[in-house]
C-alpha atoms as a PDB file:
ATOM      1  CA  MET A   1      55.894-101.663  -6.511  1.00  0.00           C
ATOM      2  CA  SER A   2      52.611 -99.903  -7.022  1.00  0.00           C
ATOM      3  CA  SER A   3      51.722 -96.649  -5.321  1.00  0.00           C
ATOM      4  CA  ARG A   4      48.938 -98.568  -3.321  1.00  0.00           C
ATOM      5  CA  GLU A   5      51.568-101.121  -2.065  1.00  0.00           C
ATOM      6  CA  SER A   6      53.960 -98.436  -1.284  1.00  0.00           C
ATOM      7  CA  LEU A   7      51.459 -96.506   0.672  1.00  0.00           C
ATOM      8  CA  THR A   8      50.316 -99.690   2.642  1.00  0.00           C
ATOM      9  CA  LYS A   9      54.093-100.458   3.425  1.00  0.00           C
ATOM     10  CA  GLY A  10      54.439 -96.867   4.765  1.00  0.00           C
ATOM     11  CA  VAL A  11      51.431 -97.274   6.872  1.00  0.00           C
ATOM     12  CA  LEU A  12      52.507-100.340   8.351  1.00  0.00           C
ATOM     13  CA  SER A  13      56.046 -99.003   9.070  1.00  0.00           C
ATOM     14  CA  ARG A  14      54.737 -95.975  10.518  1.00  0.00           C
ATOM     15  CA  TRP A  15      52.592 -97.972  13.165  1.00  0.00           C
ATOM     16  CA  LEU A  16      55.393-100.491  13.946  1.00  0.00           C
ATOM     17  CA  VAL A  17      57.749 -97.597  14.511  1.00  0.00           C
ATOM     18  CA  ALA A  18      55.284 -95.812  16.673  1.00  0.00           C
ATOM     19  CA  LEU A  19      54.649 -99.015  18.663  1.00  0.00           C
ATOM     20  CA  VAL A  20      58.469 -99.185  19.291  1.00  0.00           C
ATOM     21  CA  LEU A  21      59.106 -95.560  20.240  1.00  0.00           C
ATOM     22  CA  ILE A  22      55.971 -94.666  22.283  1.00  0.00           C
ATOM     23  CA  PRO A  23      56.838 -96.729  25.433  1.00  0.00           C
ATOM     24  CA  PRO A  24      60.330 -95.216  26.151  1.00  0.00           C
ATOM     25  CA  VAL A  25      59.231 -91.701  25.157  1.00  0.00           C
ATOM     26  CA  ALA A  26      56.111 -91.906  27.466  1.00  0.00           C
ATOM     27  CA  VAL A  27      58.147 -93.197  30.396  1.00  0.00           C
ATOM     28  CA  ALA A  28      60.713 -90.329  29.841  1.00  0.00           C
ATOM     29  CA  ILE A  29      58.004 -87.646  29.751  1.00  0.00           C
ATOM     30  CA  PHE A  30      56.190 -88.758  32.891  1.00  0.00           C
ATOM     31  CA  MET A  31      58.840 -90.133  35.151  1.00  0.00           C
ATOM     32  CA  ALA A  32      60.143 -87.675  37.787  1.00  0.00           C
ATOM     33  CA  ASN A  33      63.622 -89.222  37.475  1.00  0.00           C
ATOM     34  CA  THR A  34      65.708 -86.831  35.486  1.00  0.00           C
ATOM     35  CA  LEU A  35      67.957 -89.569  34.151  1.00  0.00           C
ATOM     36  CA  ALA A  36      65.242 -91.074  32.385  1.00  0.00           C
ATOM     37  CA  ILE A  37      64.383 -88.267  30.154  1.00  0.00           C
ATOM     38  CA  LEU A  38      68.195 -87.308  29.739  1.00  0.00           C
ATOM     39  CA  GLY A  39      68.788 -90.965  28.667  1.00  0.00           C
ATOM     40  CA  VAL A  40      65.730 -91.356  26.376  1.00  0.00           C
ATOM     41  CA  VAL A  41      66.106 -87.843  24.813  1.00  0.00           C
ATOM     42  CA  GLY A  42      69.882 -88.051  24.826  1.00  0.00           C
ATOM     43  CA  VAL A  43      69.647 -91.078  22.669  1.00  0.00           C
ATOM     44  CA  LEU A  44      67.222 -89.801  20.146  1.00  0.00           C
ATOM     45  CA  GLY A  45      69.387 -86.669  19.822  1.00  0.00           C
ATOM     46  CA  ALA A  46      72.631 -88.793  19.361  1.00  0.00           C
ATOM     47  CA  ILE A  47      70.732 -90.905  16.560  1.00  0.00           C
ATOM     48  CA  CYS A  48      69.634 -87.661  14.747  1.00  0.00           C
ATOM     49  CA  TRP A  49      73.196 -86.253  14.996  1.00  0.00           C
ATOM     50  CA  TRP A  50      74.581 -89.560  13.458  1.00  0.00           C
ATOM     51  CA  GLU A  51      72.119 -89.059  10.526  1.00  0.00           C
ATOM     52  CA  PHE A  52      73.044 -85.351  10.221  1.00  0.00           C
ATOM     53  CA  ALA A  53      76.707 -86.107  10.338  1.00  0.00           C
ATOM     54  CA  ALA A  54      76.555 -88.969   7.833  1.00  0.00           C
ATOM     55  CA  ASN A  55      74.862 -86.710   5.182  1.00  0.00           C
ATOM     56  CA  LEU A  56      76.407 -83.140   5.942  1.00  0.00           C
ATOM     57  CA  LEU A  57      79.631 -83.639   7.632  1.00  0.00           C
ATOM     58  CA  GLY A  58      80.859 -87.027   5.943  1.00  0.00           C
ATOM     59  CA  ARG A  59      80.965 -90.551   7.386  1.00  0.00           C
ATOM     60  CA  GLU A  60      84.643 -90.411   7.556  1.00  0.00           C
ATOM     61  CA  ARG A  61      84.776 -87.661  10.110  1.00  0.00           C
ATOM     62  CA  VAL A  62      84.227 -89.892  13.163  1.00  0.00           C
ATOM     63  CA  GLY A  63      86.144 -87.664  15.407  1.00  0.00           C
ATOM     64  CA  LEU A  64      83.934 -84.683  14.515  1.00  0.00           C
ATOM     65  CA  LEU A  65      80.808 -86.776  15.053  1.00  0.00           C
ATOM     66  CA  ALA A  66      81.971 -87.761  18.630  1.00  0.00           C
ATOM     67  CA  LEU A  67      82.580 -84.181  19.335  1.00  0.00           C
ATOM     68  CA  ALA A  68      79.165 -83.207  18.112  1.00  0.00           C
ATOM     69  CA  ILE A  69      77.427 -85.805  20.285  1.00  0.00           C
ATOM     70  CA  LEU A  70      79.534 -84.764  23.314  1.00  0.00           C
ATOM     71  CA  GLY A  71      78.482 -81.073  22.454  1.00  0.00           C
ATOM     72  CA  TRP A  72      74.826 -82.325  22.210  1.00  0.00           C
ATOM     73  CA  LEU A  73      74.937 -83.946  25.677  1.00  0.00           C
ATOM     74  CA  ALA A  74      76.567 -80.972  27.144  1.00  0.00           C
ATOM     75  CA  THR A  75      73.769 -78.785  25.754  1.00  0.00           C
ATOM     76  CA  ALA A  76      71.062 -81.322  26.972  1.00  0.00           C
ATOM     77  CA  ALA A  77      72.459 -81.726  30.501  1.00  0.00           C
ATOM     78  CA  GLY A  78      73.007 -77.924  30.905  1.00  0.00           C
ATOM     79  CA  ALA A  79      69.293 -77.353  30.013  1.00  0.00           C
ATOM     80  CA  LEU A  80      67.986 -79.997  32.148  1.00  0.00           C
ATOM     81  CA  PHE A  81      70.045 -79.330  35.251  1.00  0.00           C
ATOM     82  CA  TYR A  82      70.596 -75.439  35.010  1.00  0.00           C
ATOM     83  CA  GLY A  83      67.929 -74.309  32.675  1.00  0.00           C
ATOM     84  CA  PRO A  84      68.238 -71.628  29.803  1.00  0.00           C
ATOM     85  CA  LEU A  85      71.665 -70.697  31.166  1.00  0.00           C
ATOM     86  CA  GLY A  86      72.920 -74.082  31.201  1.00  0.00           C
ATOM     87  CA  GLN A  87      71.535 -74.508  27.754  1.00  0.00           C
ATOM     88  CA  ALA A  88      73.413 -71.595  26.521  1.00  0.00           C
ATOM     89  CA  LEU A  89      76.760 -72.579  28.151  1.00  0.00           C
ATOM     90  CA  GLY A  90      76.407 -76.238  26.790  1.00  0.00           C
ATOM     91  CA  LEU A  91      75.713 -74.913  23.357  1.00  0.00           C
ATOM     92  CA  THR A  92      78.763 -72.685  23.562  1.00  0.00           C
ATOM     93  CA  ALA A  93      80.941 -75.569  24.550  1.00  0.00           C
ATOM     94  CA  ALA A  94      79.595 -77.570  21.672  1.00  0.00           C
ATOM     95  CA  LEU A  95      80.573 -74.987  19.160  1.00  0.00           C
ATOM     96  CA  ALA A  96      83.967 -74.409  20.746  1.00  0.00           C
ATOM     97  CA  LEU A  97      84.690 -78.140  20.390  1.00  0.00           C
ATOM     98  CA  GLY A  98      84.002 -78.107  16.679  1.00  0.00           C
ATOM     99  CA  ALA A  99      86.210 -74.871  16.304  1.00  0.00           C
ATOM    100  CA  PHE A 100      89.222 -76.513  18.072  1.00  0.00           C
ATOM    101  CA  TYR A 101      88.760 -79.691  15.932  1.00  0.00           C
ATOM    102  CA  LEU A 102      88.737 -77.824  12.655  1.00  0.00           C
ATOM    103  CA  MET A 103      91.785 -75.490  13.756  1.00  0.00           C
ATOM    104  CA  TRP A 104      93.855 -78.610  14.709  1.00  0.00           C
ATOM    105  CA  ALA A 105      92.662 -81.315  12.341  1.00  0.00           C
ATOM    106  CA  LEU A 106      92.404 -79.815   8.919  1.00  0.00           C
ATOM    107  CA  PRO A 107      95.646 -78.405   6.956  1.00  0.00           C
ATOM    108  CA  ALA A 108      95.757 -74.942   6.097  1.00  0.00           C
ATOM    109  CA  ALA A 109      95.247 -75.752   2.316  1.00  0.00           C
ATOM    110  CA  GLU A 110      91.695 -76.788   3.102  1.00  0.00           C
ATOM    111  CA  ASP A 111      90.663 -73.180   4.588  1.00  0.00           C
ATOM    112  CA  ARG A 112      87.579 -73.031   2.294  1.00  0.00           C
ATOM    113  CA  ALA A 113      86.507 -76.554   3.029  1.00  0.00           C
ATOM    114  CA  ALA A 114      86.931 -75.840   6.759  1.00  0.00           C
ATOM    115  CA  VAL A 115      84.498 -72.981   6.743  1.00  0.00           C
ATOM    116  CA  ASN A 116      82.085 -75.003   4.842  1.00  0.00           C
ATOM    117  CA  LEU A 117      82.421 -77.800   7.451  1.00  0.00           C
ATOM    118  CA  ILE A 118      82.301 -75.460  10.543  1.00  0.00           C
ATOM    119  CA  ALA A 119      79.075 -73.854   9.101  1.00  0.00           C
ATOM    120  CA  ARG A 120      77.403 -77.483   8.885  1.00  0.00           C
ATOM    121  CA  TYR A 121      78.649 -78.369  12.232  1.00  0.00           C
ATOM    122  CA  GLY A 122      77.179 -75.073  13.717  1.00  0.00           C
ATOM    123  CA  LEU A 123      74.071 -75.613  11.799  1.00  0.00           C
ATOM    124  CA  GLY A 124      73.612 -79.039  13.336  1.00  0.00           C
ATOM    125  CA  HIS A 125      73.970 -77.641  16.793  1.00  0.00           C
ATOM    126  CA  MET A 126      71.564 -75.045  16.360  1.00  0.00           C
ATOM    127  CA  TYR A 127      68.964 -77.159  14.581  1.00  0.00           C
ATOM    128  CA  ILE A 128      69.373 -80.431  16.776  1.00  0.00           C
ATOM    129  CA  SER A 129      71.166 -79.618  19.934  1.00  0.00           C
ATOM    130  CA  PHE A 130      69.516 -76.162  20.546  1.00  0.00           C
ATOM    131  CA  LEU A 131      65.933 -76.973  19.470  1.00  0.00           C
ATOM    132  CA  LEU A 132      65.756 -80.489  20.900  1.00  0.00           C
ATOM    133  CA  SER A 133      67.129 -79.427  24.306  1.00  0.00           C
ATOM    134  CA  PHE A 134      64.016 -77.468  24.729  1.00  0.00           C
ATOM    135  CA  ALA A 135      62.437 -80.750  25.795  1.00  0.00           C
ATOM    136  CA  PHE A 136      64.373 -80.422  28.965  1.00  0.00           C
ATOM    137  CA  LEU A 137      63.195 -76.825  29.725  1.00  0.00           C
ATOM    138  CA  ILE A 138      59.595 -77.768  29.124  1.00  0.00           C
ATOM    139  CA  LYS A 139      60.055 -80.803  31.522  1.00  0.00           C
ATOM    140  CA  GLN A 140      61.174 -78.294  34.192  1.00  0.00           C
ATOM    141  CA  GLU A 141      58.047 -76.177  34.020  1.00  0.00           C
ATOM    142  CA  HIS A 142      55.005 -76.548  36.205  1.00  0.00           C
ATOM    143  CA  PHE A 143      53.251 -79.751  35.007  1.00  0.00           C
ATOM    144  CA  GLY A 144      56.058 -79.892  32.672  1.00  0.00           C
ATOM    145  CA  GLY A 145      55.592 -83.565  31.732  1.00  0.00           C
ATOM    146  CA  ARG A 146      51.885 -82.903  30.595  1.00  0.00           C
ATOM    147  CA  TRP A 147      53.125 -79.838  28.518  1.00  0.00           C
ATOM    148  CA  LEU A 148      55.847 -82.090  26.975  1.00  0.00           C
ATOM    149  CA  PHE A 149      53.070 -84.830  26.183  1.00  0.00           C
ATOM    150  CA  PHE A 150      50.859 -82.235  24.674  1.00  0.00           C
ATOM    151  CA  ALA A 151      53.773 -81.091  22.139  1.00  0.00           C
ATOM    152  CA  VAL A 152      54.495 -84.579  21.116  1.00  0.00           C
ATOM    153  CA  LEU A 153      50.947 -85.454  20.856  1.00  0.00           C
ATOM    154  CA  ALA A 154      49.722 -82.487  18.717  1.00  0.00           C
ATOM    155  CA  THR A 155      52.876 -82.636  16.495  1.00  0.00           C
ATOM    156  CA  SER A 156      52.509 -86.330  16.097  1.00  0.00           C
ATOM    157  CA  LEU A 157      48.690 -86.248  15.238  1.00  0.00           C
ATOM    158  CA  ALA A 158      49.285 -83.440  12.805  1.00  0.00           C
ATOM    159  CA  ASP A 159      52.062 -85.141  10.912  1.00  0.00           C
ATOM    160  CA  THR A 160      50.009 -88.473  10.788  1.00  0.00           C
ATOM    161  CA  ALA A 161      46.869 -86.718   9.677  1.00  0.00           C
ATOM    162  CA  ALA A 162      48.660 -84.840   6.932  1.00  0.00           C
ATOM    163  CA  PHE A 163      50.258 -88.127   5.636  1.00  0.00           C
ATOM    164  CA  TYR A 164      46.841 -89.951   5.468  1.00  0.00           C
ATOM    165  CA  VAL A 165      44.627 -86.942   4.386  1.00  0.00           C
ATOM    166  CA  GLY A 166      47.175 -85.924   1.764  1.00  0.00           C
ATOM    167  CA  SER A 167      47.435 -89.558   0.471  1.00  0.00           C
ATOM    168  CA  TRP A 168      43.640 -89.829   0.271  1.00  0.00           C
ATOM    169  CA  LEU A 169      42.502 -86.535  -1.179  1.00  0.00           C
ATOM    170  CA  LYS A 170      45.509 -85.274  -2.951  1.00  0.00           C
ATOM    171  CA  GLY A 171      45.063 -82.109  -4.542  1.00  0.00           C
ATOM    172  CA  PRO A 172      47.315 -78.930  -4.939  1.00  0.00           C
ATOM    173  CA  LYS A 173      50.823 -79.188  -3.621  1.00  0.00           C
ATOM    174  CA  LEU A 174      51.858 -77.322  -0.623  1.00  0.00           C
ATOM    175  CA  TYR A 175      55.487 -76.558  -2.012  1.00  0.00           C
ATOM    176  CA  PRO A 176      56.529 -78.945  -4.644  1.00  0.00           C
ATOM    177  CA  LYS A 177      59.922 -77.320  -5.294  1.00  0.00           C
ATOM    178  CA  VAL A 178      60.921 -78.487  -1.792  1.00  0.00           C
ATOM    179  CA  SER A 179      58.640 -81.415  -1.162  1.00  0.00           C
ATOM    180  CA  PRO A 180      56.773 -82.804  -4.171  1.00  0.00           C
ATOM    181  CA  ASN A 181      54.496 -85.228  -2.047  1.00  0.00           C
ATOM    182  CA  LYS A 182      53.035 -82.708   0.566  1.00  0.00           C
ATOM    183  CA  THR A 183      49.716 -81.192  -0.214  1.00  0.00           C
ATOM    184  CA  ILE A 184      47.440 -78.336   0.998  1.00  0.00           C
ATOM    185  CA  SER A 185      44.701 -80.941   1.893  1.00  0.00           C
ATOM    186  CA  GLY A 186      47.168 -82.689   4.040  1.00  0.00           C
ATOM    187  CA  LEU A 187      48.163 -79.629   5.915  1.00  0.00           C
ATOM    188  CA  ALA A 188      44.397 -78.875   6.425  1.00  0.00           C
ATOM    189  CA  GLY A 189      44.020 -82.455   7.835  1.00  0.00           C
ATOM    190  CA  GLY A 190      47.045 -81.805  10.039  1.00  0.00           C
ATOM    191  CA  CYS A 191      45.467 -78.621  11.471  1.00  0.00           C
ATOM    192  CA  LEU A 192      42.247 -80.349  12.316  1.00  0.00           C
ATOM    193  CA  ALA A 193      44.183 -83.195  13.990  1.00  0.00           C
ATOM    194  CA  ALA A 194      46.274 -80.812  15.989  1.00  0.00           C
ATOM    195  CA  LEU A 195      43.139 -78.891  17.068  1.00  0.00           C
ATOM    196  CA  ALA A 196      41.606 -82.129  18.109  1.00  0.00           C
ATOM    197  CA  ALA A 197      44.744 -82.791  20.244  1.00  0.00           C
ATOM    198  CA  GLY A 198      44.364 -79.429  21.781  1.00  0.00           C
ATOM    199  CA  VAL A 199      40.819 -80.105  22.805  1.00  0.00           C
ATOM    200  CA  LEU A 200      41.674 -83.557  24.276  1.00  0.00           C
ATOM    201  CA  SER A 201      44.335 -81.836  26.199  1.00  0.00           C
ATOM    202  CA  PHE A 202      41.948 -79.517  28.010  1.00  0.00           C
ATOM    203  CA  SER A 203      41.292 -82.421  30.455  1.00  0.00           C
ATOM    204  CA  TYR A 204      44.842 -82.836  31.805  1.00  0.00           C
ATOM    205  CA  LEU A 205      46.518 -79.348  31.121  1.00  0.00           C
ATOM    206  CA  PRO A 206      46.234 -76.630  33.971  1.00  0.00           C
ATOM    207  CA  LEU A 207      43.056 -74.865  34.269  1.00  0.00           C
ATOM    208  CA  GLU A 208      44.596 -71.474  34.598  1.00  0.00           C
ATOM    209  CA  PHE A 209      45.701 -71.564  30.948  1.00  0.00           C
ATOM    210  CA  PRO A 210      42.856 -70.177  28.726  1.00  0.00           C
ATOM    211  CA  ARG A 211      41.326 -73.003  26.464  1.00  0.00           C
ATOM    212  CA  ALA A 212      41.040 -70.766  23.531  1.00  0.00           C
ATOM    213  CA  SER A 213      44.699 -70.169  23.758  1.00  0.00           C
ATOM    214  CA  ILE A 214      45.607 -73.810  23.906  1.00  0.00           C
ATOM    215  CA  ALA A 215      43.486 -74.397  20.709  1.00  0.00           C
ATOM    216  CA  ALA A 216      45.258 -71.641  18.979  1.00  0.00           C
ATOM    217  CA  LEU A 217      48.606 -72.978  20.041  1.00  0.00           C
ATOM    218  CA  SER A 218      47.522 -76.290  18.688  1.00  0.00           C
ATOM    219  CA  LEU A 219      46.778 -74.793  15.216  1.00  0.00           C
ATOM    220  CA  GLY A 220      49.976 -72.967  15.314  1.00  0.00           C
ATOM    221  CA  LEU A 221      51.924 -76.231  16.001  1.00  0.00           C
ATOM    222  CA  ALA A 222      50.410 -77.797  12.965  1.00  0.00           C
ATOM    223  CA  LEU A 223      51.576 -74.791  10.820  1.00  0.00           C
ATOM    224  CA  TRP A 224      54.953 -74.374  12.420  1.00  0.00           C
ATOM    225  CA  GLY A 225      55.707 -77.941  12.381  1.00  0.00           C
ATOM    226  CA  ALA A 226      54.931 -78.041   8.657  1.00  0.00           C
ATOM    227  CA  VAL A 227      57.502 -75.413   8.340  1.00  0.00           C
ATOM    228  CA  GLY A 228      60.006 -77.583  10.079  1.00  0.00           C
ATOM    229  CA  ASP A 229      59.090 -80.449   7.891  1.00  0.00           C
ATOM    230  CA  LEU A 230      59.772 -78.330   4.827  1.00  0.00           C
ATOM    231  CA  PHE A 231      62.932 -76.985   6.018  1.00  0.00           C
ATOM    232  CA  GLU A 232      64.184 -80.449   6.585  1.00  0.00           C
ATOM    233  CA  SER A 233      63.051 -81.360   3.143  1.00  0.00           C
ATOM    234  CA  ALA A 234      65.070 -78.360   1.678  1.00  0.00           C
ATOM    235  CA  LEU A 235      68.162 -79.646   3.417  1.00  0.00           C
ATOM    236  CA  LYS A 236      67.728 -83.154   1.861  1.00  0.00           C
ATOM    237  CA  ARG A 237      67.066 -81.724  -1.432  1.00  0.00           C
ATOM    238  CA  ALA A 238      70.139 -79.639  -1.403  1.00  0.00           C
ATOM    239  CA  MET A 239      72.138 -82.707  -0.516  1.00  0.00           C
ATOM    240  CA  GLY A 240      70.417 -84.910  -3.007  1.00  0.00           C
ATOM    241  CA  LEU A 241      68.861 -87.093  -0.507  1.00  0.00           C
ATOM    242  CA  LYS A 242      65.295 -88.830  -0.189  1.00  0.00           C
ATOM    243  CA  ASP A 243      65.610 -90.036   3.501  1.00  0.00           C
ATOM    244  CA  THR A 244      68.299 -89.193   6.101  1.00  0.00           C
ATOM    245  CA  SER A 245      68.889 -93.098   6.729  1.00  0.00           C
ATOM    246  CA  THR A 246      67.103 -96.393   6.546  1.00  0.00           C
ATOM    247  CA  LEU A 247      66.869 -96.787  10.198  1.00  0.00           C
ATOM    248  CA  LEU A 248      63.086 -96.811  10.450  1.00  0.00           C
ATOM    249  CA  LEU A 249      62.153 -99.819   8.535  1.00  0.00           C
ATOM    250  CA  GLY A 250      62.113 -98.278   4.984  1.00  0.00           C
ATOM    251  CA  HIS A 251      60.410 -94.945   5.825  1.00  0.00           C
ATOM    252  CA  GLY A 252      63.247 -92.868   6.491  1.00  0.00           C
ATOM    253  CA  GLY A 253      65.519 -91.989   9.588  1.00  0.00           C
ATOM    254  CA  LEU A 254      64.606 -90.763  13.054  1.00  0.00           C
ATOM    255  CA  TRP A 255      65.599 -87.189  11.916  1.00  0.00           C
ATOM    256  CA  ASP A 256      62.744 -87.467   9.228  1.00  0.00           C
ATOM    257  CA  ARG A 257      60.308 -88.087  11.968  1.00  0.00           C
ATOM    258  CA  MET A 258      61.394 -85.421  14.382  1.00  0.00           C
ATOM    259  CA  ASP A 259      61.686 -82.617  12.007  1.00  0.00           C
ATOM    260  CA  SER A 260      58.308 -81.117  13.073  1.00  0.00           C
ATOM    261  CA  ILE A 261      58.797 -81.651  16.788  1.00  0.00           C
ATOM    262  CA  LEU A 262      62.306 -80.030  16.741  1.00  0.00           C
ATOM    263  CA  PHE A 263      60.509 -76.771  15.567  1.00  0.00           C
ATOM    264  CA  ASN A 264      57.429 -77.077  17.866  1.00  0.00           C
ATOM    265  CA  LEU A 265      59.447 -77.679  21.138  1.00  0.00           C
ATOM    266  CA  PRO A 266      60.624 -74.075  21.691  1.00  0.00           C
ATOM    267  CA  ALA A 267      57.037 -72.834  20.644  1.00  0.00           C
ATOM    268  CA  VAL A 268      55.475 -74.772  23.428  1.00  0.00           C
ATOM    269  CA  TYR A 269      58.302 -73.774  25.809  1.00  0.00           C
ATOM    270  CA  PHE A 270      57.822 -69.890  25.109  1.00  0.00           C
ATOM    271  CA  TYR A 271      54.073 -70.299  25.271  1.00  0.00           C
ATOM    272  CA  VAL A 272      54.244 -71.811  28.742  1.00  0.00           C
ATOM    273  CA  SER A 273      56.847 -69.667  30.294  1.00  0.00           C
ATOM    274  CA  LEU A 274      55.290 -66.470  28.882  1.00  0.00           C
ATOM    275  CA  GLN A 275      51.849 -67.502  30.355  1.00  0.00           C
ATOM    276  CA  THR A 276      53.500 -68.175  33.840  1.00  0.00           C
ATOM    277  CA  ALA A 277      55.749 -65.010  33.862  1.00  0.00           C
ATOM    278  CA  PRO A 278      55.111 -62.779  36.682  1.00  0.00           C
END
């Protein structure tokens, strides 16, 4: 397959995946029903965990995957219903479940393997369960649905623009040792797209938030989201992976598409909560 055909396939698959994912995510963001967002984001997190576990924990460890998903749901429900305290309690329970599994399920002869496995399990919860659960904390804020939409919009537009601009202009690589396809031109295009998303968001975000700070936050999301993208790329390179799965029609797994948003959700939450703090 030529590079042009590969690019065309990638573009078509991106738009098809977007058409499938946008409706349920939009419903979860804007509906007042808490079960809607718990269901949609809960499923997204479970899929990310399935991909993470298959690559970093081992496909044969079904029991550990089940405990990981149970821990993710505990963290998600805790954040949604009890805020940051519930988030912390859920995450603690999630890590405890993994510790109990390793103490009872692995023989003593595998002590070193157990340490490696529990480290990967803990990384998964800090990376997926903890970061993704900030979606629920954002939802609880005043105009939380709008802020969550802003986070998803700015990150998605930055990611999409980086793909198109980088494929078109090419030029110097951003960090070739980790991700050989990402370019500085793509990052610049992503920053401009995120800034445009911030300006568009002026119309629906609360008026008491300074417009200049929203624009600065938008640029920050493009840059910090790129760090999240590179972090996932580093993990995949360490594991010898190109994609986390083939779930999304030949352009990677769901975790591949959520690497930037995972990093950006806490940033948006802290911005909103600090701006509204007494």
